Amino acid sequence: VSPVDGRCEETGTINEETSFVVKGQTYKIGEMLQSKE
């Protein structure tokens, strides 16, 4: 279930580089989690 009230901005598959795109910018999952492992 949705954990919040809001708007779904983006959904997608995490690619081989473990990154995703938000508003035209690419974000590395490793940066988000601060752990490449």
All heavy atoms as atom14 arrays in JSON, in Angstrom:
{
  "sequence": "VSPVDGRCEETGTINEETSFVVKGQTYKIGEMLQSKE",
  "atom14_mask": [
    [1, 1, 1, 1, 1, 1, 1, 0, 0, 0, 0, 0, 0, 0],
    [1, 1, 1, 1, 1, 1, 0, 0, 0, 0, 0, 0, 0, 0],
    [1, 1, 1, 1, 1, 1, 1, 0, 0, 0, 0, 0, 0, 0],
    [1, 1, 1, 1, 1, 1, 1, 0, 0, 0, 0, 0, 0, 0],
    [1, 1, 1, 1, 1, 1, 1, 1, 0, 0, 0, 0, 0, 0],
    [1, 1, 1, 1, 0, 0, 0, 0, 0, 0, 0, 0, 0, 0],
    [1, 1, 1, 1, 1, 1, 1, 1, 1, 1, 1, 0, 0, 0],
    [1, 1, 1, 1, 1, 1, 0, 0, 0, 0, 0, 0, 0, 0],
    [1, 1, 1, 1, 1, 1, 1, 1, 1, 0, 0, 0, 0, 0],
    [1, 1, 1, 1, 1, 1, 1, 1, 1, 0, 0, 0, 0, 0],
    [1, 1, 1, 1, 1, 1, 1, 0, 0, 0, 0, 0, 0, 0],
    [1, 1, 1, 1, 0, 0, 0, 0, 0, 0, 0, 0, 0, 0],
    [1, 1, 1, 1, 1, 1, 1, 0, 0, 0, 0, 0, 0, 0],
    [1, 1, 1, 1, 1, 1, 1, 1, 0, 0, 0, 0, 0, 0],
    [1, 1, 1, 1, 1, 1, 1, 1, 0, 0, 0, 0, 0, 0],
    [1, 1, 1, 1, 1, 1, 1, 1, 1, 0, 0, 0, 0, 0],
    [1, 1, 1, 1, 1, 1, 1, 1, 1, 0, 0, 0, 0, 0],
    [1, 1, 1, 1, 1, 1, 1, 0, 0, 0, 0, 0, 0, 0],
    [1, 1, 1, 1, 1, 1, 0, 0, 0, 0, 0, 0, 0, 0],
    [1, 1, 1, 1, 1, 1, 1, 1, 1, 1, 1, 0, 0, 0],
    [1, 1, 1, 1, 1, 1, 1, 0, 0, 0, 0, 0, 0, 0],
    [1, 1, 1, 1, 1, 1, 1, 0, 0, 0, 0, 0, 0, 0],
    [1, 1, 1, 1, 1, 1, 1, 1, 1, 0, 0, 0, 0, 0],
    [1, 1, 1, 1, 0, 0, 0, 0, 0, 0, 0, 0, 0, 0],
    [1, 1, 1, 1, 1, 1, 1, 1, 1, 0, 0, 0, 0, 0],
    [1, 1, 1, 1, 1, 1, 1, 0, 0, 0, 0, 0, 0, 0],
    [1, 1, 1, 1, 1, 1, 1, 1, 1, 1, 1, 1, 0, 0],
    [1, 1, 1, 1, 1, 1, 1, 1, 1, 0, 0, 0, 0, 0],
    [1, 1, 1, 1, 1, 1, 1, 1, 0, 0, 0, 0, 0, 0],
    [1, 1, 1, 1, 0, 0, 0, 0, 0, 0, 0, 0, 0, 0],
    [1, 1, 1, 1, 1, 1, 1, 1, 1, 0, 0, 0, 0, 0],
    [1, 1, 1, 1, 1, 1, 1, 1, 0, 0, 0, 0, 0, 0],
    [1, 1, 1, 1, 1, 1, 1, 1, 0, 0, 0, 0, 0, 0],
    [1, 1, 1, 1, 1, 1, 1, 1, 1, 0, 0, 0, 0, 0],
    [1, 1, 1, 1, 1, 1, 0, 0, 0, 0, 0, 0, 0, 0],
    [1, 1, 1, 1, 1, 1, 1, 1, 1, 0, 0, 0, 0, 0],
    [1, 1, 1, 1, 1, 1, 1, 1, 1, 0, 0, 0, 0, 0]
  ],
  "atom14_positions": [
    [[0.83, -1.2, 0.0], [0.0, 0.0, 0.0], [0.87, 1.25, 0.0], [2.03, 1.21, 0.39], [-0.97, 0.02, 1.2], [-1.85, -1.22, 1.2], [-0.21, 0.14, 2.52], [0.0, 0.0, 0.0], [0.0, 0.0, 0.0], [0.0, 0.0, 0.0], [0.0, 0.0, 0.0], [0.0, 0.0, 0.0], [0.0, 0.0, 0.0], [0.0, 0.0, 0.0]],
    [[0.29, 2.33, -0.45], [1.04, 3.59, -0.45], [1.35, 3.99, 0.99], [0.44, 4.04, 1.84], [0.24, 4.69, -1.14], [0.97, 5.91, -1.09], [0.0, 0.0, 0.0], [0.0, 0.0, 0.0], [0.0, 0.0, 0.0], [0.0, 0.0, 0.0], [0.0, 0.0, 0.0], [0.0, 0.0, 0.0], [0.0, 0.0, 0.0], [0.0, 0.0, 0.0]],
    [[2.6, 4.32, 1.3], [2.96, 4.74, 2.65], [2.59, 6.19, 2.94], [2.67, 6.63, 4.09], [4.47, 4.53, 2.69], [4.91, 4.72, 1.27], [3.79, 4.19, 0.42], [0.0, 0.0, 0.0], [0.0, 0.0, 0.0], [0.0, 0.0, 0.0], [0.0, 0.0, 0.0], [0.0, 0.0, 0.0], [0.0, 0.0, 0.0], [0.0, 0.0, 0.0]],
    [[2.22, 6.93, 1.89], [1.94, 8.36, 2.04], [0.81, 8.78, 1.12], [0.45, 8.09, 0.17], [3.2, 9.22, 1.71], [4.3, 9.02, 2.74], [3.7, 8.91, 0.3], [0.0, 0.0, 0.0], [0.0, 0.0, 0.0], [0.0, 0.0, 0.0], [0.0, 0.0, 0.0], [0.0, 0.0, 0.0], [0.0, 0.0, 0.0], [0.0, 0.0, 0.0]],
    [[0.27, 9.97, 1.41], [-0.59, 10.66, 0.45], [0.33, 11.44, -0.48], [1.29, 12.08, -0.01], [-1.51, 11.66, 1.16], [-2.7, 11.01, 1.85], [-2.75, 9.77, 1.92], [-3.57, 11.76, 2.34], [0.0, 0.0, 0.0], [0.0, 0.0, 0.0], [0.0, 0.0, 0.0], [0.0, 0.0, 0.0], [0.0, 0.0, 0.0], [0.0, 0.0, 0.0]],
    [[0.07, 11.41, -1.76], [0.92, 12.17, -2.67], [0.67, 11.83, -4.12], [-0.41, 11.37, -4.49], [0.0, 0.0, 0.0], [0.0, 0.0, 0.0], [0.0, 0.0, 0.0], [0.0, 0.0, 0.0], [0.0, 0.0, 0.0], [0.0, 0.0, 0.0], [0.0, 0.0, 0.0], [0.0, 0.0, 0.0], [0.0, 0.0, 0.0], [0.0, 0.0, 0.0]],
    [[1.69, 12.03, -4.91], [1.62, 11.78, -6.35], [2.78, 10.87, -6.75], [3.92, 11.09, -6.32], [1.7, 13.1, -7.11], [1.56, 12.96, -8.62], [1.52, 14.3, -9.33], [2.81, 14.97, -9.32], [3.07, 16.08, -8.64], [2.14, 16.64, -7.88], [4.25, 16.64, -8.69], [0.0, 0.0, 0.0], [0.0, 0.0, 0.0], [0.0, 0.0, 0.0]],
    [[2.47, 9.88, -7.57], [3.53, 9.02, -8.07], [4.25, 9.75, -9.19], [3.7, 9.94, -10.28], [2.95, 7.7, -8.57], [4.22, 6.55, -9.14], [0.0, 0.0, 0.0], [0.0, 0.0, 0.0], [0.0, 0.0, 0.0], [0.0, 0.0, 0.0], [0.0, 0.0, 0.0], [0.0, 0.0, 0.0], [0.0, 0.0, 0.0], [0.0, 0.0, 0.0]],
    [[5.46, 10.2, -8.9], [6.23, 10.99, -9.86], [6.86, 10.13, -10.95], [6.98, 10.54, -12.1], [7.35, 11.75, -9.14], [6.9, 13.0, -8.42], [6.62, 14.13, -9.38], [7.55, 14.64, -10.02], [5.44, 14.52, -9.48], [0.0, 0.0, 0.0], [0.0, 0.0, 0.0], [0.0, 0.0, 0.0], [0.0, 0.0, 0.0], [0.0, 0.0, 0.0]],
    [[7.29, 8.93, -10.58], [8.05, 8.11, -11.52], [8.08, 6.67, -11.04], [8.14, 6.39, -9.85], [9.48, 8.65, -11.61], [10.32, 8.07, -12.71], [10.32, 8.92, -13.97], [10.15, 10.14, -13.85], [10.49, 8.34, -15.05], [0.0, 0.0, 0.0], [0.0, 0.0, 0.0], [0.0, 0.0, 0.0], [0.0, 0.0, 0.0], [0.0, 0.0, 0.0]],
    [[8.02, 5.75, -11.99], [8.26, 4.34, -11.7], [9.15, 3.79, -12.81], [9.18, 4.35, -13.91], [6.96, 3.51, -11.65], [6.37, 3.49, -12.97], [5.96, 4.09, -10.66], [0.0, 0.0, 0.0], [0.0, 0.0, 0.0], [0.0, 0.0, 0.0], [0.0, 0.0, 0.0], [0.0, 0.0, 0.0], [0.0, 0.0, 0.0], [0.0, 0.0, 0.0]],
    [[9.84, 2.72, -12.56], [10.67, 2.16, -13.62], [11.53, 1.02, -13.12], [11.55, 0.69, -11.94], [0.0, 0.0, 0.0], [0.0, 0.0, 0.0], [0.0, 0.0, 0.0], [0.0, 0.0, 0.0], [0.0, 0.0, 0.0], [0.0, 0.0, 0.0], [0.0, 0.0, 0.0], [0.0, 0.0, 0.0], [0.0, 0.0, 0.0], [0.0, 0.0, 0.0]],
    [[12.23, 0.43, -14.05], [13.13, -0.68, -13.76], [14.53, -0.16, -13.51], [15.03, 0.69, -14.24], [13.15, -1.68, -14.93], [11.82, -2.15, -15.16], [14.06, -2.86, -14.63], [0.0, 0.0, 0.0], [0.0, 0.0, 0.0], [0.0, 0.0, 0.0], [0.0, 0.0, 0.0], [0.0, 0.0, 0.0], [0.0, 0.0, 0.0], [0.0, 0.0, 0.0]],
    [[15.17, -0.67, -12.49], [16.54, -0.3, -12.18], [17.45, -1.03, -13.16], [17.4, -2.25, -13.28], [16.9, -0.7, -10.72], [15.95, 0.01, -9.75], [18.35, -0.34, -10.41], [16.04, -0.49, -8.33], [0.0, 0.0, 0.0], [0.0, 0.0, 0.0], [0.0, 0.0, 0.0], [0.0, 0.0, 0.0], [0.0, 0.0, 0.0], [0.0, 0.0, 0.0]],
    [[18.23, -0.26, -13.92], [19.01, -0.86, -15.0], [20.3, -1.51, -14.5], [20.56, -1.58, -13.3], [19.3, 0.17, -16.09], [20.18, 1.32, -15.59], [20.96, 1.17, -14.67], [20.05, 2.47, -16.21], [0.0, 0.0, 0.0], [0.0, 0.0, 0.0], [0.0, 0.0, 0.0], [0.0, 0.0, 0.0], [0.0, 0.0, 0.0], [0.0, 0.0, 0.0]],
    [[21.09, -1.98, -15.42], [22.3, -2.71, -15.06], [23.3, -1.86, -14.3], [24.14, -2.37, -13.56], [22.97, -3.28, -16.33], [22.14, -4.37, -17.0], [22.82, -4.92, -18.24], [23.91, -4.41, -18.59], [22.28, -5.87, -18.84], [0.0, 0.0, 0.0], [0.0, 0.0, 0.0], [0.0, 0.0, 0.0], [0.0, 0.0, 0.0], [0.0, 0.0, 0.0]],
    [[23.21, -0.53, -14.5], [24.1, 0.37, -13.76], [23.48, 0.77, -12.42], [23.98, 1.67, -11.75], [24.4, 1.63, -14.58], [25.37, 1.42, -15.74], [24.73, 0.68, -16.89], [23.55, 0.94, -17.17], [25.4, -0.18, -17.5], [0.0, 0.0, 0.0], [0.0, 0.0, 0.0], [0.0, 0.0, 0.0], [0.0, 0.0, 0.0], [0.0, 0.0, 0.0]],
    [[22.4, 0.09, -12.05], [21.66, 0.39, -10.81], [21.4, 1.88, -10.65], [21.79, 2.5, -9.67], [22.39, -0.17, -9.57], [23.69, 0.41, -9.46], [22.48, -1.66, -9.62], [0.0, 0.0, 0.0], [0.0, 0.0, 0.0], [0.0, 0.0, 0.0], [0.0, 0.0, 0.0], [0.0, 0.0, 0.0], [0.0, 0.0, 0.0], [0.0, 0.0, 0.0]],
    [[20.78, 2.46, -11.67], [20.42, 3.87, -11.63], [19.01, 4.05, -12.15], [18.44, 3.15, -12.76], [21.4, 4.7, -12.46], [21.31, 4.33, -13.82], [0.0, 0.0, 0.0], [0.0, 0.0, 0.0], [0.0, 0.0, 0.0], [0.0, 0.0, 0.0], [0.0, 0.0, 0.0], [0.0, 0.0, 0.0], [0.0, 0.0, 0.0], [0.0, 0.0, 0.0]],
    [[18.44, 5.22, -11.91], [17.13, 5.52, -12.46], [17.07, 7.0, -12.79], [17.9, 7.8, -12.35], [16.0, 5.13, -11.5], [16.14, 5.7, -10.11], [15.71, 6.99, -9.82], [16.7, 4.94, -9.1], [15.83, 7.51, -8.53], [16.83, 5.46, -7.82], [16.4, 6.73, -7.53], [0.0, 0.0, 0.0], [0.0, 0.0, 0.0], [0.0, 0.0, 0.0]],
    [[16.09, 7.37, -13.59], [15.97, 8.75, -14.08], [14.8, 9.45, -13.4], [13.69, 8.92, -13.34], [15.77, 8.78, -15.6], [15.6, 10.21, -16.1], [16.96, 8.13, -16.3], [0.0, 0.0, 0.0], [0.0, 0.0, 0.0], [0.0, 0.0, 0.0], [0.0, 0.0, 0.0], [0.0, 0.0, 0.0], [0.0, 0.0, 0.0], [0.0, 0.0, 0.0]],
    [[15.05, 10.64, -12.88], [14.03, 11.48, -12.26], [14.11, 12.86, -12.89], [15.16, 13.53, -12.79], [14.23, 11.6, -10.72], [13.15, 12.47, -10.12], [14.23, 10.22, -10.09], [0.0, 0.0, 0.0], [0.0, 0.0, 0.0], [0.0, 0.0, 0.0], [0.0, 0.0, 0.0], [0.0, 0.0, 0.0], [0.0, 0.0, 0.0], [0.0, 0.0, 0.0]],
    [[13.04, 13.28, -13.54], [12.99, 14.6, -14.17], [14.19, 14.85, -15.08], [14.8, 15.92, -15.08], [12.91, 15.7, -13.09], [11.66, 15.61, -12.23], [10.41, 15.87, -13.03], [9.17, 15.84, -12.17], [7.94, 16.06, -12.94], [0.0, 0.0, 0.0], [0.0, 0.0, 0.0], [0.0, 0.0, 0.0], [0.0, 0.0, 0.0], [0.0, 0.0, 0.0]],
    [[14.55, 13.84, -15.85], [15.62, 14.01, -16.82], [17.02, 13.84, -16.27], [17.98, 13.92, -17.02], [0.0, 0.0, 0.0], [0.0, 0.0, 0.0], [0.0, 0.0, 0.0], [0.0, 0.0, 0.0], [0.0, 0.0, 0.0], [0.0, 0.0, 0.0], [0.0, 0.0, 0.0], [0.0, 0.0, 0.0], [0.0, 0.0, 0.0], [0.0, 0.0, 0.0]],
    [[17.16, 13.61, -14.98], [18.47, 13.4, -14.38], [18.64, 11.95, -13.94], [17.67, 11.31, -13.54], [18.68, 14.32, -13.17], [18.75, 15.8, -13.56], [19.27, 16.65, -12.4], [20.11, 16.21, -11.64], [18.78, 17.86, -12.3], [0.0, 0.0, 0.0], [0.0, 0.0, 0.0], [0.0, 0.0, 0.0], [0.0, 0.0, 0.0], [0.0, 0.0, 0.0]],
    [[19.86, 11.47, -14.02], [20.13, 10.09, -13.63], [20.71, 10.05, -12.22], [21.62, 10.81, -11.88], [21.13, 9.44, -14.6], [20.57, 9.46, -15.92], [21.43, 8.0, -14.2], [0.0, 0.0, 0.0], [0.0, 0.0, 0.0], [0.0, 0.0, 0.0], [0.0, 0.0, 0.0], [0.0, 0.0, 0.0], [0.0, 0.0, 0.0], [0.0, 0.0, 0.0]],
    [[20.18, 9.16, -11.41], [20.62, 9.0, -10.03], [21.11, 7.57, -9.82], [20.38, 6.63, -10.11], [19.48, 9.31, -9.05], [18.97, 10.72, -9.21], [17.95, 10.99, -10.12], [19.54, 11.77, -8.5], [17.5, 12.29, -10.3], [19.09, 13.06, -8.67], [18.07, 13.32, -9.57], [17.62, 14.59, -9.75], [0.0, 0.0, 0.0], [0.0, 0.0, 0.0]],
    [[22.28, 7.43, -9.33], [22.83, 6.12, -9.04], [22.24, 5.59, -7.73], [22.2, 6.31, -6.73], [24.36, 6.18, -8.92], [25.08, 6.59, -10.19], [25.0, 5.49, -11.24], [25.84, 5.85, -12.46], [25.76, 4.8, -13.5], [0.0, 0.0, 0.0], [0.0, 0.0, 0.0], [0.0, 0.0, 0.0], [0.0, 0.0, 0.0], [0.0, 0.0, 0.0]],
    [[21.82, 4.35, -7.75], [21.29, 3.74, -6.54], [22.37, 3.68, -5.47], [22.11, 3.84, -4.28], [20.75, 2.33, -6.83], [19.63, 2.4, -7.87], [20.24, 1.67, -5.56], [18.44, 3.17, -7.42], [0.0, 0.0, 0.0], [0.0, 0.0, 0.0], [0.0, 0.0, 0.0], [0.0, 0.0, 0.0], [0.0, 0.0, 0.0], [0.0, 0.0, 0.0]],
    [[23.62, 3.48, -5.89], [24.72, 3.43, -4.94], [24.86, 4.73, -4.16], [25.18, 4.72, -2.97], [0.0, 0.0, 0.0], [0.0, 0.0, 0.0], [0.0, 0.0, 0.0], [0.0, 0.0, 0.0], [0.0, 0.0, 0.0], [0.0, 0.0, 0.0], [0.0, 0.0, 0.0], [0.0, 0.0, 0.0], [0.0, 0.0, 0.0], [0.0, 0.0, 0.0]],
    [[24.62, 5.86, -4.85], [24.66, 7.16, -4.17], [23.5, 7.3, -3.2], [23.65, 7.82, -2.1], [24.62, 8.29, -5.2], [25.83, 8.38, -6.1], [25.67, 9.41, -7.2], [24.51, 9.73, -7.56], [26.69, 9.88, -7.7], [0.0, 0.0, 0.0], [0.0, 0.0, 0.0], [0.0, 0.0, 0.0], [0.0, 0.0, 0.0], [0.0, 0.0, 0.0]],
    [[22.34, 6.84, -3.64], [21.15, 6.96, -2.8], [21.3, 6.16, -1.51], [21.01, 6.64, -0.42], [19.93, 6.48, -3.58], [18.63, 6.57, -2.82], [18.13, 8.25, -2.47], [17.78, 8.82, -4.13], [0.0, 0.0, 0.0], [0.0, 0.0, 0.0], [0.0, 0.0, 0.0], [0.0, 0.0, 0.0], [0.0, 0.0, 0.0], [0.0, 0.0, 0.0]],
    [[21.78, 4.93, -1.65], [21.92, 4.04, -0.49], [23.27, 4.21, 0.19], [23.48, 3.68, 1.29], [21.75, 2.58, -0.92], [20.41, 2.22, -1.58], [20.4, 0.74, -1.94], [19.24, 2.55, -0.66], [0.0, 0.0, 0.0], [0.0, 0.0, 0.0], [0.0, 0.0, 0.0], [0.0, 0.0, 0.0], [0.0, 0.0, 0.0], [0.0, 0.0, 0.0]],
    [[24.19, 4.91, -0.47], [25.56, 5.1, 0.0], [26.23, 3.75, 0.26], [27.0, 3.58, 1.21], [25.59, 5.97, 1.27], [26.89, 6.75, 1.44], [26.76, 7.89, 2.43], [25.94, 8.79, 2.27], [27.56, 7.85, 3.47], [0.0, 0.0, 0.0], [0.0, 0.0, 0.0], [0.0, 0.0, 0.0], [0.0, 0.0, 0.0], [0.0, 0.0, 0.0]],
    [[25.92, 2.79, -0.63], [26.51, 1.46, -0.52], [26.38, 0.77, -1.87], [25.27, 0.44, -2.3], [25.79, 0.63, 0.55], [26.19, -0.72, 0.47], [0.0, 0.0, 0.0], [0.0, 0.0, 0.0], [0.0, 0.0, 0.0], [0.0, 0.0, 0.0], [0.0, 0.0, 0.0], [0.0, 0.0, 0.0], [0.0, 0.0, 0.0], [0.0, 0.0, 0.0]],
    [[27.5, 0.56, -2.56], [27.48, -0.13, -3.84], [27.04, -1.58, -3.68], [26.37, -2.15, -4.53], [28.85, -0.06, -4.51], [29.24, 1.32, -4.99], [30.58, 1.3, -5.72], [30.95, 2.69, -6.23], [32.25, 2.67, -6.94], [0.0, 0.0, 0.0], [0.0, 0.0, 0.0], [0.0, 0.0, 0.0], [0.0, 0.0, 0.0], [0.0, 0.0, 0.0]],
    [[27.43, -2.17, -2.56], [27.09, -3.57, -2.31], [25.58, -3.75, -2.18], [24.98, -4.63, -2.81], [27.78, -4.06, -1.03], [27.51, -5.52, -0.72], [28.21, -5.98, 0.54], [28.99, -5.19, 1.13], [28.0, -7.14, 0.94], [0.0, 0.0, 0.0], [0.0, 0.0, 0.0], [0.0, 0.0, 0.0], [0.0, 0.0, 0.0], [0.0, 0.0, 0.0]]
  ]
}
